[in-house]
C-alpha atoms as a PDB file:
ATOM      1  CA  MET A   1       2.940  87.588  58.335  1.00  0.00           C
ATOM      2  CA  ARG A   2       5.419  89.527  60.385  1.00  0.00           C
ATOM      3  CA  ARG A   3       8.748  87.774  60.858  1.00  0.00           C
ATOM      4  CA  THR A   4      10.367  87.630  64.259  1.00  0.00           C
ATOM      5  CA  SER A   5      13.946  88.826  64.209  1.00  0.00           C
ATOM      6  CA  ARG A   6      16.845  86.401  65.002  1.00  0.00           C
ATOM      7  CA  ALA A   7      17.661  88.389  68.096  1.00  0.00           C
ATOM      8  CA  ALA A   8      14.102  88.229  69.290  1.00  0.00           C
ATOM      9  CA  ARG A   9      13.906  84.486  68.729  1.00  0.00           C
ATOM     10  CA  ALA A  10      17.090  84.059  70.706  1.00  0.00           C
ATOM     11  CA  THR A  11      15.646  85.891  73.648  1.00  0.00           C
ATOM     12  CA  THR A  12      12.243  84.306  73.593  1.00  0.00           C
ATOM     13  CA  THR A  13      13.134  80.657  72.887  1.00  0.00           C
ATOM     14  CA  GLU A  14      13.118  78.475  76.055  1.00  0.00           C
ATOM     15  CA  PRO A  15      16.423  76.649  76.745  1.00  0.00           C
ATOM     16  CA  PRO A  16      16.369  72.828  77.099  1.00  0.00           C
ATOM     17  CA  ALA A  17      15.823  71.530  80.593  1.00  0.00           C
ATOM     18  CA  ALA A  18      19.075  71.187  82.575  1.00  0.00           C
ATOM     19  CA  ARG A  19      20.444  71.180  86.159  1.00  0.00           C
ATOM     20  CA  PRO A  20      20.908  74.638  87.556  1.00  0.00           C
ATOM     21  CA  ALA A  21      24.504  75.804  87.163  1.00  0.00           C
ATOM     22  CA  ARG A  22      26.638  76.240  90.335  1.00  0.00           C
ATOM     23  CA  PRO A  23      27.390  79.779  91.309  1.00  0.00           C
ATOM     24  CA  ARG A  24      30.773  80.934  89.898  1.00  0.00           C
ATOM     25  CA  ARG A  25      32.242  81.551  93.371  1.00  0.00           C
ATOM     26  CA  LEU A  26      31.438  77.968  94.442  1.00  0.00           C
ATOM     27  CA  ARG A  27      33.017  76.544  91.292  1.00  0.00           C
ATOM     28  CA  ARG A  28      36.233  78.472  91.967  1.00  0.00           C
ATOM     29  CA  ALA A  29      36.379  77.303  95.583  1.00  0.00           C
ATOM     30  CA  THR A  30      35.897  73.682  94.551  1.00  0.00           C
ATOM     31  CA  ALA A  31      38.651  73.858  91.916  1.00  0.00           C
ATOM     32  CA  THR A  32      41.034  75.470  94.362  1.00  0.00           C
ATOM     33  CA  ALA A  33      40.385  72.783  96.987  1.00  0.00           C
ATOM     34  CA  LEU A  34      40.960  69.985  94.469  1.00  0.00           C
ATOM     35  CA  ALA A  35      44.242  71.544  93.303  1.00  0.00           C
ATOM     36  CA  ALA A  36      45.446  71.970  96.876  1.00  0.00           C
ATOM     37  CA  ALA A  37      44.595  68.352  97.693  1.00  0.00           C
ATOM     38  CA  ALA A  38      46.568  67.159  94.665  1.00  0.00           C
ATOM     39  CA  LEU A  39      49.609  69.205  95.655  1.00  0.00           C
ATOM     40  CA  LEU A  40      49.392  67.954  99.237  1.00  0.00           C
ATOM     41  CA  ALA A  41      49.266  64.353  98.071  1.00  0.00           C
ATOM     42  CA  CYS A  42      52.377  64.864  95.939  1.00  0.00           C
ATOM     43  CA  ALA A  43      54.233  66.505  98.808  1.00  0.00           C
ATOM     44  CA  VAL A  44      53.251  64.110 101.588  1.00  0.00           C
ATOM     45  CA  ALA A  45      53.798  60.787  99.852  1.00  0.00           C
ATOM     46  CA  PRO A  46      57.589  61.132  99.315  1.00  0.00           C
ATOM     47  CA  ALA A  47      58.065  62.420 102.880  1.00  0.00           C
ATOM     48  CA  GLN A  48      56.226  59.402 104.270  1.00  0.00           C
ATOM     49  CA  ALA A  49      58.299  57.125 102.062  1.00  0.00           C
ATOM     50  CA  ARG A  50      61.514  58.675 103.391  1.00  0.00           C
ATOM     51  CA  THR A  51      60.534  58.146 107.003  1.00  0.00           C
ATOM     52  CA  THR A  52      59.449  54.547 106.540  1.00  0.00           C
ATOM     53  CA  ARG A  53      62.089  53.501 103.987  1.00  0.00           C
ATOM     54  CA  PRO A  54      65.449  55.135 104.853  1.00  0.00           C
ATOM     55  CA  LEU A  55      68.079  55.211 102.153  1.00  0.00           C
ATOM     56  CA  PRO A  56      70.724  52.458 102.476  1.00  0.00           C
ATOM     57  CA  ILE A  57      74.154  53.422 103.789  1.00  0.00           C
ATOM     58  CA  ILE A  58      76.711  53.046 101.012  1.00  0.00           C
ATOM     59  CA  PRO A  59      80.229  52.114 102.213  1.00  0.00           C
ATOM     60  CA  HIS A  60      83.030  54.444 101.089  1.00  0.00           C
ATOM     61  CA  PRO A  61      86.264  53.041 102.574  1.00  0.00           C
ATOM     62  CA  GLU A  62      88.362  54.772  99.927  1.00  0.00           C
ATOM     63  CA  LEU A  63      87.276  58.076 101.512  1.00  0.00           C
ATOM     64  CA  ASP A  64      87.938  56.986 105.118  1.00  0.00           C
ATOM     65  CA  TYR A  65      91.409  57.768 106.435  1.00  0.00           C
ATOM     66  CA  ALA A  66      93.140  58.985 109.585  1.00  0.00           C
ATOM     67  CA  GLY A  67      91.489  62.331 110.196  1.00  0.00           C
ATOM     68  CA  SER A  68      88.757  62.120 107.570  1.00  0.00           C
ATOM     69  CA  THR A  69      86.142  62.919 110.234  1.00  0.00           C
ATOM     70  CA  VAL A  70      88.170  65.212 112.509  1.00  0.00           C
ATOM     71  CA  ALA A  71      87.796  68.613 110.852  1.00  0.00           C
ATOM     72  CA  VAL A  72      84.041  68.110 110.409  1.00  0.00           C
ATOM     73  CA  HIS A  73      83.566  67.502 114.135  1.00  0.00           C
ATOM     74  CA  GLU A  74      86.342  69.588 115.670  1.00  0.00           C
ATOM     75  CA  GLY A  75      87.329  72.158 113.060  1.00  0.00           C
ATOM     76  CA  ARG A  76      90.703  73.718 112.310  1.00  0.00           C
ATOM     77  CA  SER A  77      92.427  76.621 114.045  1.00  0.00           C
ATOM     78  CA  GLY A  78      95.846  78.184 113.787  1.00  0.00           C
ATOM     79  CA  MET A  79      97.469  75.483 111.671  1.00  0.00           C
ATOM     80  CA  GLY A  80      99.470  77.949 109.593  1.00  0.00           C
ATOM     81  CA  GLY A  81     101.143  79.514 112.629  1.00  0.00           C
ATOM     82  CA  HIS A  82     102.295  76.230 114.172  1.00  0.00           C
ATOM     83  CA  ARG A  83     105.924  75.862 115.210  1.00  0.00           C
ATOM     84  CA  PRO A  84     107.053  72.644 116.954  1.00  0.00           C
ATOM     85  CA  ARG A  85     108.748  72.855 120.316  1.00  0.00           C
ATOM     86  CA  GLY A  86     112.026  70.975 120.654  1.00  0.00           C
ATOM     87  CA  ALA A  87     113.192  68.234 118.316  1.00  0.00           C
ATOM     88  CA  GLN A  88     110.434  67.061 115.994  1.00  0.00           C
ATOM     89  CA  VAL A  89     110.584  64.863 112.913  1.00  0.00           C
ATOM     90  CA  GLN A  90     108.324  65.693 109.980  1.00  0.00           C
ATOM     91  CA  GLY A  91     106.090  62.949 108.609  1.00  0.00           C
ATOM     92  CA  MET A  92     102.766  62.242 106.944  1.00  0.00           C
ATOM     93  CA  ASP A  93     100.021  59.665 106.553  1.00  0.00           C
ATOM     94  CA  VAL A  94      98.377  58.538 103.322  1.00  0.00           C
ATOM     95  CA  SER A  95      95.668  56.208 102.054  1.00  0.00           C
ATOM     96  CA  ALA A  96      94.148  55.164  98.751  1.00  0.00           C
ATOM     97  CA  TYR A  97      92.965  58.759  98.448  1.00  0.00           C
ATOM     98  CA  GLN A  98      96.551  59.805  97.571  1.00  0.00           C
ATOM     99  CA  GLY A  99      97.088  56.902  95.142  1.00  0.00           C
ATOM    100  CA  ASP A 100     100.639  56.618  93.850  1.00  0.00           C
ATOM    101  CA  VAL A 101     102.890  58.810  95.993  1.00  0.00           C
ATOM    102  CA  ASP A 102     106.006  60.578  94.712  1.00  0.00           C
ATOM    103  CA  TRP A 103     108.213  59.527  97.598  1.00  0.00           C
ATOM    104  CA  GLY A 104     111.302  61.278  96.239  1.00  0.00           C
ATOM    105  CA  ALA A 105     109.463  64.589  96.260  1.00  0.00           C
ATOM    106  CA  ALA A 106     108.090  63.870  99.735  1.00  0.00           C
ATOM    107  CA  VAL A 107     111.607  63.281 101.075  1.00  0.00           C
ATOM    108  CA  SER A 108     112.808  66.472  99.403  1.00  0.00           C
ATOM    109  CA  ASN A 109     110.029  68.323 101.238  1.00  0.00           C
ATOM    110  CA  GLY A 110     111.084  66.904 104.604  1.00  0.00           C
ATOM    111  CA  ALA A 111     109.205  63.601 105.051  1.00  0.00           C
ATOM    112  CA  ARG A 112     111.074  61.128 107.239  1.00  0.00           C
ATOM    113  CA  PHE A 113     108.240  58.803 108.252  1.00  0.00           C
ATOM    114  CA  ALA A 114     104.761  57.845 107.062  1.00  0.00           C
ATOM    115  CA  TYR A 115     101.767  55.830 108.141  1.00  0.00           C
ATOM    116  CA  LEU A 116      99.843  54.085 105.353  1.00  0.00           C
ATOM    117  CA  LYS A 117      96.254  52.927 105.557  1.00  0.00           C
ATOM    118  CA  ALA A 118      96.163  49.160 105.039  1.00  0.00           C
ATOM    119  CA  THR A 119      92.636  48.029 105.931  1.00  0.00           C
ATOM    120  CA  GLU A 120      89.146  48.918 107.152  1.00  0.00           C
ATOM    121  CA  GLY A 121      86.655  46.647 108.885  1.00  0.00           C
ATOM    122  CA  THR A 122      87.065  43.054 107.706  1.00  0.00           C
ATOM    123  CA  THR A 123      86.513  43.477 103.953  1.00  0.00           C
ATOM    124  CA  TYR A 124      88.543  46.418 102.659  1.00  0.00           C
ATOM    125  CA  THR A 125      92.216  46.622 101.736  1.00  0.00           C
ATOM    126  CA  ASN A 126      93.902  49.710 100.322  1.00  0.00           C
ATOM    127  CA  PRO A 127      94.688  48.845  96.671  1.00  0.00           C
ATOM    128  CA  TYR A 128      97.727  51.168  96.785  1.00  0.00           C
ATOM    129  CA  PHE A 129      99.110  49.886 100.072  1.00  0.00           C
ATOM    130  CA  TRP A 130     101.844  47.621  98.750  1.00  0.00           C
ATOM    131  CA  SER A 131     103.081  50.111  96.158  1.00  0.00           C
ATOM    132  CA  GLN A 132     103.060  52.862  98.803  1.00  0.00           C
ATOM    133  CA  SER A 133     104.901  50.596 101.220  1.00  0.00           C
ATOM    134  CA  GLY A 134     107.520  49.568  98.661  1.00  0.00           C
ATOM    135  CA  GLY A 135     107.996  53.117  97.439  1.00  0.00           C
ATOM    136  CA  SER A 136     108.466  54.526 100.936  1.00  0.00           C
ATOM    137  CA  PHE A 137     110.922  51.747 101.814  1.00  0.00           C
ATOM    138  CA  GLU A 138     113.038  52.443  98.723  1.00  0.00           C
ATOM    139  CA  ALA A 139     113.066  56.156  99.548  1.00  0.00           C
ATOM    140  CA  GLY A 140     114.332  55.438 103.062  1.00  0.00           C
ATOM    141  CA  VAL A 141     111.127  56.626 104.743  1.00  0.00           C
ATOM    142  CA  ILE A 142     110.338  54.865 108.029  1.00  0.00           C
ATOM    143  CA  ARG A 143     106.767  53.663 107.542  1.00  0.00           C
ATOM    144  CA  GLY A 144     104.005  51.774 109.274  1.00  0.00           C
ATOM    145  CA  ALA A 145     100.495  50.503 108.557  1.00  0.00           C
ATOM    146  CA  TYR A 146      97.208  51.533 110.146  1.00  0.00           C
ATOM    147  CA  HIS A 147      93.696  50.098 110.333  1.00  0.00           C
ATOM    148  CA  PHE A 148      90.515  52.210 110.126  1.00  0.00           C
ATOM    149  CA  ALA A 149      88.231  50.757 112.808  1.00  0.00           C
ATOM    150  CA  LEU A 150      84.507  50.076 112.386  1.00  0.00           C
ATOM    151  CA  PRO A 151      83.635  48.745 115.862  1.00  0.00           C
ATOM    152  CA  ASN A 152      79.951  48.299 115.050  1.00  0.00           C
ATOM    153  CA  THR A 153      80.520  45.829 112.191  1.00  0.00           C
ATOM    154  CA  SER A 154      82.638  43.111 113.839  1.00  0.00           C
ATOM    155  CA  GLY A 155      84.737  42.372 116.912  1.00  0.00           C
ATOM    156  CA  GLY A 156      88.178  43.696 117.732  1.00  0.00           C
ATOM    157  CA  THR A 157      89.804  40.302 117.240  1.00  0.00           C
ATOM    158  CA  ALA A 158      88.346  39.834 113.756  1.00  0.00           C
ATOM    159  CA  GLN A 159      89.451  43.282 112.615  1.00  0.00           C
ATOM    160  CA  ALA A 160      92.917  42.907 114.143  1.00  0.00           C
ATOM    161  CA  ASN A 161      93.421  39.612 112.328  1.00  0.00           C
ATOM    162  CA  TRP A 162      92.244  41.122 109.034  1.00  0.00           C
ATOM    163  CA  PHE A 163      94.683  43.985 109.571  1.00  0.00           C
ATOM    164  CA  VAL A 164      97.711  41.833 110.388  1.00  0.00           C
ATOM    165  CA  ASP A 165      96.912  39.458 107.522  1.00  0.00           C
ATOM    166  CA  HIS A 166      96.814  42.334 105.023  1.00  0.00           C
ATOM    167  CA  GLY A 167      99.848  44.454 105.793  1.00  0.00           C
ATOM    168  CA  GLY A 168      99.583  45.247 109.493  1.00  0.00           C
ATOM    169  CA  GLY A 169     102.631  43.252 110.537  1.00  0.00           C
ATOM    170  CA  TRP A 170     105.849  44.480 112.108  1.00  0.00           C
ATOM    171  CA  THR A 171     109.540  43.591 111.960  1.00  0.00           C
ATOM    172  CA  PRO A 172     112.341  45.103 114.104  1.00  0.00           C
ATOM    173  CA  ASP A 173     114.265  46.429 111.098  1.00  0.00           C
ATOM    174  CA  GLY A 174     114.423  50.098 112.059  1.00  0.00           C
ATOM    175  CA  LEU A 175     112.221  50.996 109.107  1.00  0.00           C
ATOM    176  CA  THR A 176     108.833  49.640 110.261  1.00  0.00           C
ATOM    177  CA  LEU A 177     106.728  51.582 112.759  1.00  0.00           C
ATOM    178  CA  PRO A 178     104.384  49.752 115.144  1.00  0.00           C
ATOM    179  CA  PRO A 179     100.971  48.878 113.703  1.00  0.00           C
ATOM    180  CA  ALA A 180      98.360  51.560 114.402  1.00  0.00           C
ATOM    181  CA  LEU A 181      94.639  51.616 115.167  1.00  0.00           C
ATOM    182  CA  ASP A 182      92.699  54.565 113.762  1.00  0.00           C
ATOM    183  CA  ILE A 183      89.696  55.005 116.076  1.00  0.00           C
ATOM    184  CA  GLU A 184      87.727  58.202 115.403  1.00  0.00           C
ATOM    185  CA  TYR A 185      84.249  59.539 114.625  1.00  0.00           C
ATOM    186  CA  ASN A 186      81.995  57.141 112.742  1.00  0.00           C
ATOM    187  CA  PRO A 187      81.794  58.226 109.075  1.00  0.00           C
ATOM    188  CA  TYR A 188      78.491  56.344 108.682  1.00  0.00           C
ATOM    189  CA  GLY A 189      76.428  57.362 111.700  1.00  0.00           C
ATOM    190  CA  ALA A 190      76.582  57.840 115.474  1.00  0.00           C
ATOM    191  CA  SER A 191      80.001  59.092 116.590  1.00  0.00           C
ATOM    192  CA  CYS A 192      80.598  56.193 119.002  1.00  0.00           C
ATOM    193  CA  TYR A 193      79.276  53.520 116.628  1.00  0.00           C
ATOM    194  CA  GLY A 194      76.379  52.718 118.931  1.00  0.00           C
ATOM    195  CA  LEU A 195      78.684  51.265 121.599  1.00  0.00           C
ATOM    196  CA  SER A 196      78.659  52.179 125.266  1.00  0.00           C
ATOM    197  CA  GLN A 197      81.873  53.566 126.740  1.00  0.00           C
ATOM    198  CA  SER A 198      82.708  50.276 128.432  1.00  0.00           C
ATOM    199  CA  ALA A 199      81.967  48.286 125.267  1.00  0.00           C
ATOM    200  CA  MET A 200      84.221  50.605 123.266  1.00  0.00           C
ATOM    201  CA  VAL A 201      87.072  50.141 125.734  1.00  0.00           C
ATOM    202  CA  ASP A 202      86.611  46.370 125.520  1.00  0.00           C
ATOM    203  CA  TRP A 203      86.686  46.512 121.712  1.00  0.00           C
ATOM    204  CA  ILE A 204      89.900  48.552 121.650  1.00  0.00           C
ATOM    205  CA  ARG A 205      91.496  46.264 124.227  1.00  0.00           C
ATOM    206  CA  GLU A 206      90.560  43.204 122.183  1.00  0.00           C
ATOM    207  CA  PHE A 207      92.056  44.697 119.031  1.00  0.00           C
ATOM    208  CA  SER A 208      95.204  45.820 120.848  1.00  0.00           C
ATOM    209  CA  ASP A 209      95.804  42.477 122.546  1.00  0.00           C
ATOM    210  CA  THR A 210      95.316  40.539 119.304  1.00  0.00           C
ATOM    211  CA  VAL A 211      97.803  42.724 117.435  1.00  0.00           C
ATOM    212  CA  HIS A 212     100.272  42.323 120.283  1.00  0.00           C
ATOM    213  CA  ASP A 213      99.833  38.547 120.325  1.00  0.00           C
ATOM    214  CA  ARG A 214     100.489  38.319 116.593  1.00  0.00           C
ATOM    215  CA  THR A 215     103.247  40.916 116.098  1.00  0.00           C
ATOM    216  CA  GLY A 216     104.885  41.377 119.503  1.00  0.00           C
ATOM    217  CA  ARG A 217     103.968  45.083 119.450  1.00  0.00           C
ATOM    218  CA  TYR A 218     101.046  46.960 120.932  1.00  0.00           C
ATOM    219  CA  PRO A 219      99.518  49.180 118.260  1.00  0.00           C
ATOM    220  CA  ALA A 220      99.742  52.935 118.373  1.00  0.00           C
ATOM    221  CA  ILE A 221      96.305  54.472 118.910  1.00  0.00           C
ATOM    222  CA  TYR A 222      95.206  57.296 116.628  1.00  0.00           C
ATOM    223  CA  THR A 223      92.390  59.382 118.085  1.00  0.00           C
ATOM    224  CA  THR A 224      91.381  62.835 119.294  1.00  0.00           C
ATOM    225  CA  THR A 225      91.039  63.868 122.913  1.00  0.00           C
ATOM    226  CA  ALA A 226      87.411  64.874 122.376  1.00  0.00           C
ATOM    227  CA  TRP A 227      86.430  61.569 120.746  1.00  0.00           C
ATOM    228  CA  TRP A 228      88.310  59.543 123.364  1.00  0.00           C
ATOM    229  CA  THR A 229      86.628  61.413 126.191  1.00  0.00           C
ATOM    230  CA  THR A 230      83.152  61.001 124.712  1.00  0.00           C
ATOM    231  CA  CYS A 231      83.364  57.423 123.509  1.00  0.00           C
ATOM    232  CA  THR A 232      85.609  55.728 126.096  1.00  0.00           C
ATOM    233  CA  GLY A 233      84.829  57.919 129.115  1.00  0.00           C
ATOM    234  CA  ASN A 234      88.442  59.173 128.866  1.00  0.00           C
ATOM    235  CA  ASN A 235      89.737  55.752 129.799  1.00  0.00           C
ATOM    236  CA  ALA A 236      93.303  55.841 131.176  1.00  0.00           C
ATOM    237  CA  GLY A 237      94.158  52.180 130.643  1.00  0.00           C
ATOM    238  CA  PHE A 238      96.239  52.302 127.448  1.00  0.00           C
ATOM    239  CA  GLY A 239      98.893  54.894 128.189  1.00  0.00           C
ATOM    240  CA  THR A 240     101.503  52.446 129.520  1.00  0.00           C
ATOM    241  CA  THR A 241     101.357  50.088 126.542  1.00  0.00           C
ATOM    242  CA  ASN A 242     100.164  51.875 123.402  1.00  0.00           C
ATOM    243  CA  PRO A 243     101.924  54.851 121.779  1.00  0.00           C
ATOM    244  CA  LEU A 244      99.589  57.822 121.261  1.00  0.00           C
ATOM    245  CA  TRP A 245      99.050  59.292 117.796  1.00  0.00           C
ATOM    246  CA  VAL A 246      96.812  62.259 118.520  1.00  0.00           C
ATOM    247  CA  ALA A 247      95.003  64.488 116.032  1.00  0.00           C
ATOM    248  CA  ARG A 248      94.424  68.196 116.624  1.00  0.00           C
ATOM    249  CA  TYR A 249      94.425  70.771 113.834  1.00  0.00           C
ATOM    250  CA  ALA A 250      95.656  73.733 115.817  1.00  0.00           C
ATOM    251  CA  SER A 251      98.806  75.625 116.776  1.00  0.00           C
ATOM    252  CA  SER A 252      99.406  73.392 119.818  1.00  0.00           C
ATOM    253  CA  VAL A 253      98.708  69.778 120.671  1.00  0.00           C
ATOM    254  CA  GLY A 254      96.423  70.724 123.563  1.00  0.00           C
ATOM    255  CA  ALA A 255      95.219  68.419 126.321  1.00  0.00           C
ATOM    256  CA  LEU A 256      95.887  64.720 125.793  1.00  0.00           C
ATOM    257  CA  PRO A 257      93.588  61.771 126.524  1.00  0.00           C
ATOM    258  CA  ALA A 258      93.832  60.314 130.031  1.00  0.00           C
ATOM    259  CA  GLY A 259      96.681  57.881 130.604  1.00  0.00           C
ATOM    260  CA  TRP A 260      99.187  59.552 128.271  1.00  0.00           C
ATOM    261  CA  SER A 261     101.606  62.180 129.521  1.00  0.00           C
ATOM    262  CA  PHE A 262     102.958  62.882 126.029  1.00  0.00           C
ATOM    263  CA  GLN A 263     102.104  62.081 122.423  1.00  0.00           C
ATOM    264  CA  THR A 264     104.386  59.981 120.230  1.00  0.00           C
ATOM    265  CA  ILE A 265     102.969  61.463 117.012  1.00  0.00           C
ATOM    266  CA  TRP A 266     100.843  64.542 116.477  1.00  0.00           C
ATOM    267  CA  GLN A 267      98.735  64.907 113.342  1.00  0.00           C
ATOM    268  CA  TYR A 268      98.594  68.688 113.276  1.00  0.00           C
ATOM    269  CA  ALA A 269      97.057  69.388 109.847  1.00  0.00           C
ATOM    270  CA  ASP A 270      95.103  67.619 107.136  1.00  0.00           C
ATOM    271  CA  SER A 271      96.987  69.306 104.279  1.00  0.00           C
ATOM    272  CA  GLY A 272     100.370  70.863 103.702  1.00  0.00           C
ATOM    273  CA  ALA A 273     103.655  70.479 101.864  1.00  0.00           C
ATOM    274  CA  LEU A 274     103.553  66.690 102.046  1.00  0.00           C
ATOM    275  CA  PRO A 275     100.997  64.315 100.517  1.00  0.00           C
ATOM    276  CA  GLY A 276      98.108  63.467 102.824  1.00  0.00           C
ATOM    277  CA  ASP A 277      97.974  64.599 106.453  1.00  0.00           C
ATOM    278  CA  GLN A 278     100.860  66.336 108.206  1.00  0.00           C
ATOM    279  CA  ASP A 279     102.471  64.784 111.287  1.00  0.00           C
ATOM    280  CA  TYR A 280     105.267  65.357 113.782  1.00  0.00           C
ATOM    281  CA  PHE A 281     107.121  62.646 115.667  1.00  0.00           C
ATOM    282  CA  ASN A 282     107.766  63.909 119.187  1.00  0.00           C
ATOM    283  CA  GLY A 283     111.530  63.582 119.388  1.00  0.00           C
ATOM    284  CA  PRO A 284     114.732  63.450 117.332  1.00  0.00           C
ATOM    285  CA  TYR A 285     115.291  61.108 114.406  1.00  0.00           C
ATOM    286  CA  ASP A 286     117.260  58.522 116.393  1.00  0.00           C
ATOM    287  CA  ARG A 287     114.271  58.077 118.734  1.00  0.00           C
ATOM    288  CA  LEU A 288     112.061  57.534 115.690  1.00  0.00           C
ATOM    289  CA  GLN A 289     114.458  54.800 114.572  1.00  0.00           C
ATOM    290  CA  GLU A 290     114.315  53.289 118.043  1.00  0.00           C
ATOM    291  CA  LEU A 291     110.495  53.190 117.871  1.00  0.00           C
ATOM    292  CA  ALA A 292     110.854  51.155 114.680  1.00  0.00           C
ATOM    293  CA  ARG A 293     113.239  48.707 116.357  1.00  0.00           C
ATOM    294  CA  ALA A 294     111.972  48.325 119.918  1.00  0.00           C
END
């Protein structure tokens, strides 16, 4: 009997019944579609989660200080070429960001006055404030305290009281500058804190009046002309009562907010020979002493 070769049997044996296989091109298209759908699902889900569940805003008061938002919004120009006109007294402002300040070195480099951040909102106090205040006093530096405003978190009265209760007082000793309100771009969101121009003016007035009622002094107002114009409508109602501490990082002070014909202090740079921001008092030293006594 003639044997059938293995190759012949392989070609003549019927395969078991089965479903017809899909064409190769269709299989590839199906696999590609499934892979694309999986990638799309991975990409879309996090995006949807971000739009429906925004990340919480984390407070960072230790990073908020007079001018901390200015350069980001308004930039810097010509700081190195600045030369003051007339008699100017060199000073600075510091916060917890500077920590322990070497006041002897600051005096050697020309510092004659300083503003120190005391508070923010109604919950934060600068942990270095009292050591900075004591150190500046011992070094003979005329100093004052300032409050970083958060007008969207509580009223002007509440924040003024928190400020005065935690270092924002004043005594006519010739070494204590008037309390100061730092009102600038919102470090946590909308520049004007979600307030209308009239509501912002009311908030500042409430803060100012409360400080005056408690200390006998209207606070200096720290701001920029651009912020003041945008967020208060360039209100002219504070120039006769509140000293102006204006910020502009340029070779000249530029236009001032409405209501003020001159600045009392100009923050002209956010770095320099002194710790913290660099400031000029607009006048000779004896007028600076008078500001601390009046």
